[in-house]
Amino acid sequence: MAPRVLVIAEGDVRDGAEGETAAIDLFGGPLLSLARDMRARGDWPEDVALYVVTSQFGMVPADKPLKPYRRTMTADLAADVIYDNFGRLAAAPAKAQPAELMLAAPDLYRRALIRKDTPYVQSVPVVYLDVAAADATDRLSAWLRRTG
């Protein structure tokens, strides 16, 4: 079975970030903090691939080294990131597609999914988690603890 995929889009570049830093460490936000903590404790589920969305580089693997930058995410950029990256998933062979995808992001991204004719594979369940929801961290934690 293909791994679950978690895509987190939240937070700005953390203050004091210098030089190349793994994408997961470059950005702030409670969901990325949860992911960092779980990985540091060795509690990260083996069946979950983690990606981070950036306004400068698009969707990248969490460990990809990035240089700090200042660029604001816009509705158009969010739509492009969703369209391009979900398009790659849709074009992948069935065995390379994830069993489930969670998009943990601001409402801007949910609107991008609706606004664009976003190519994604109908057979892959896409779960949307609004990062602004009061229970977002608890819901993400529960999703991560689930086994595939």
Protein backbone atom coordinates (compact mmCIF):
# COMPACT_ATOMS: atom_id res chain seq x y z
CA MET A 1 0.00 0.00 0.00
CA ALA A 2 1.24 3.47 -0.82
CA PRO A 3 1.96 5.73 2.15
CA ARG A 4 -0.34 8.38 3.42
CA VAL A 5 0.72 11.89 2.49
CA LEU A 6 0.48 14.88 4.79
CA VAL A 7 0.82 18.32 3.24
CA ILE A 8 1.12 21.19 5.72
CA ALA A 9 0.81 24.82 4.67
CA GLU A 10 1.03 27.10 7.67
CA GLY A 11 3.16 29.79 9.21
CA ASP A 12 5.74 32.22 8.05
CA VAL A 13 9.49 31.77 7.95
CA ARG A 14 10.59 31.55 11.59
CA ASP A 15 12.49 34.49 13.02
CA GLY A 16 16.22 33.95 13.16
CA ALA A 17 16.30 31.37 10.35
CA GLU A 18 19.63 31.61 8.55
CA GLY A 19 21.31 29.61 5.82
CA GLU A 20 19.81 26.44 4.41
CA THR A 21 17.34 24.82 6.76
CA ALA A 22 15.06 21.81 6.34
CA ALA A 23 11.62 23.01 5.22
CA ILE A 24 9.99 21.58 8.36
CA ASP A 25 12.34 23.69 10.52
CA LEU A 26 12.04 26.86 8.46
CA PHE A 27 8.38 27.60 9.20
CA GLY A 28 6.40 28.23 12.38
CA GLY A 29 2.95 27.02 13.30
CA PRO A 30 1.46 24.49 15.72
CA LEU A 31 1.00 21.68 13.17
CA LEU A 32 4.60 21.87 12.00
CA SER A 33 5.66 22.04 15.64
CA LEU A 34 3.70 18.83 16.32
CA ALA A 35 5.39 17.16 13.33
CA ARG A 36 8.86 18.32 14.47
CA ASP A 37 8.23 17.04 18.01
CA MET A 38 6.93 13.66 16.82
CA ARG A 39 9.89 13.21 14.50
CA ALA A 40 12.36 14.20 17.24
CA ARG A 41 10.82 11.62 19.62
CA GLY A 42 10.84 8.92 16.93
CA ASP A 43 7.02 8.79 17.00
CA TRP A 44 6.52 9.70 13.34
CA PRO A 45 4.40 7.05 11.55
CA GLU A 46 6.40 5.16 8.94
CA ASP A 47 3.49 5.21 6.49
CA VAL A 48 3.24 9.03 6.34
CA ALA A 49 5.25 11.13 3.89
CA LEU A 50 5.43 14.77 4.98
CA TYR A 51 5.48 17.76 2.65
CA VAL A 52 5.54 21.48 3.39
CA VAL A 53 3.99 24.13 1.16
CA THR A 54 5.99 27.30 0.60
CA SER A 55 5.13 30.43 -1.35
CA GLN A 56 8.63 30.48 -2.85
CA PHE A 57 9.28 26.82 -3.71
CA GLY A 58 5.82 25.21 -3.84
CA MET A 59 5.26 21.84 -2.19
CA VAL A 60 8.53 20.27 -1.04
CA PRO A 61 9.54 17.26 1.07
CA ALA A 62 9.83 18.26 4.74
CA ASP A 63 13.58 17.54 4.83
CA LYS A 64 14.42 19.57 1.72
CA PRO A 65 16.98 22.27 2.59
CA LEU A 66 15.68 25.77 1.80
CA LYS A 67 17.06 29.26 2.26
CA PRO A 68 14.92 31.71 4.24
CA TYR A 69 12.90 34.12 2.11
CA ARG A 70 10.13 36.69 2.40
CA ARG A 71 7.16 36.14 0.13
CA THR A 72 3.48 36.20 0.96
CA MET A 73 1.19 33.40 -0.15
CA THR A 74 -1.65 34.68 -2.32
CA ALA A 75 -4.83 33.00 -3.54
CA ASP A 76 -3.31 32.65 -7.02
CA LEU A 77 -0.08 31.13 -5.70
CA ALA A 78 -2.04 28.72 -3.50
CA ALA A 79 -4.13 27.67 -6.48
CA ASP A 80 -1.00 27.13 -8.59
CA VAL A 81 0.68 25.05 -5.86
CA ILE A 82 -2.41 22.87 -5.48
CA TYR A 83 -2.95 22.53 -9.22
CA ASP A 84 0.68 21.71 -10.07
CA ASN A 85 1.36 19.30 -7.21
CA PHE A 86 -1.97 17.51 -7.21
CA GLY A 87 -1.56 17.26 -10.98
CA ARG A 88 1.70 15.35 -10.45
CA LEU A 89 -0.10 12.99 -8.08
CA ALA A 90 -2.84 12.45 -10.64
CA ALA A 91 -0.25 11.68 -13.33
CA ALA A 92 1.64 9.16 -11.19
CA PRO A 93 1.12 5.44 -11.77
CA ALA A 94 -1.53 3.97 -9.46
CA LYS A 95 1.05 2.13 -7.32
CA ALA A 96 2.89 5.43 -6.69
CA GLN A 97 -0.22 7.28 -5.55
CA PRO A 98 -0.87 7.70 -1.85
CA ALA A 99 -3.56 5.72 -0.09
CA GLU A 100 -4.77 8.96 1.53
CA LEU A 101 -3.79 12.60 1.43
CA MET A 102 -4.34 15.15 4.19
CA LEU A 103 -4.05 18.82 3.31
CA ALA A 104 -3.59 20.82 6.52
CA ALA A 105 -3.80 24.41 5.37
CA PRO A 106 -5.59 27.72 5.67
CA ASP A 107 -8.96 28.14 3.99
CA LEU A 108 -7.12 29.79 1.09
CA TYR A 109 -6.09 26.30 -0.08
CA ARG A 110 -9.54 24.76 0.31
CA ARG A 111 -10.87 27.55 -1.88
CA ALA A 112 -8.06 26.82 -4.36
CA LEU A 113 -9.19 23.20 -4.57
CA ILE A 114 -12.71 24.37 -5.37
CA ARG A 115 -11.76 27.29 -7.62
CA LYS A 116 -9.39 25.51 -9.95
CA ASP A 117 -10.22 22.46 -12.00
CA THR A 118 -7.75 20.66 -9.79
CA PRO A 119 -6.54 17.35 -11.14
CA TYR A 120 -6.40 14.79 -8.40
CA VAL A 121 -7.14 11.15 -8.43
CA GLN A 122 -10.71 10.43 -7.39
CA SER A 123 -9.64 7.13 -5.85
CA VAL A 124 -7.34 8.91 -3.38
CA PRO A 125 -9.25 10.25 -0.38
CA VAL A 126 -8.32 13.87 0.29
CA VAL A 127 -8.89 15.05 3.86
CA TYR A 128 -8.86 18.81 4.43
CA LEU A 129 -7.87 20.18 7.85
CA ASP A 130 -8.27 23.92 8.43
CA VAL A 131 -5.17 25.02 10.36
CA ALA A 132 -7.24 27.77 12.02
CA ALA A 133 -9.64 25.26 13.63
CA ALA A 134 -9.39 25.19 17.42
CA ASP A 135 -8.95 21.40 17.38
CA ALA A 136 -6.57 21.22 14.38
CA THR A 137 -3.62 19.89 16.40
CA ASP A 138 -5.77 17.21 18.06
CA ARG A 139 -7.29 16.16 14.73
CA LEU A 140 -3.88 15.97 13.05
CA SER A 141 -2.47 13.99 15.96
CA ALA A 142 -5.36 11.50 15.73
CA TRP A 143 -4.87 11.15 11.96
CA LEU A 144 -1.15 10.50 12.43
CA ARG A 145 -1.73 7.88 15.14
CA ARG A 146 -4.07 5.93 12.90
CA THR A 147 -2.43 3.02 11.10
CA GLY A 148 -2.97 2.44 7.40
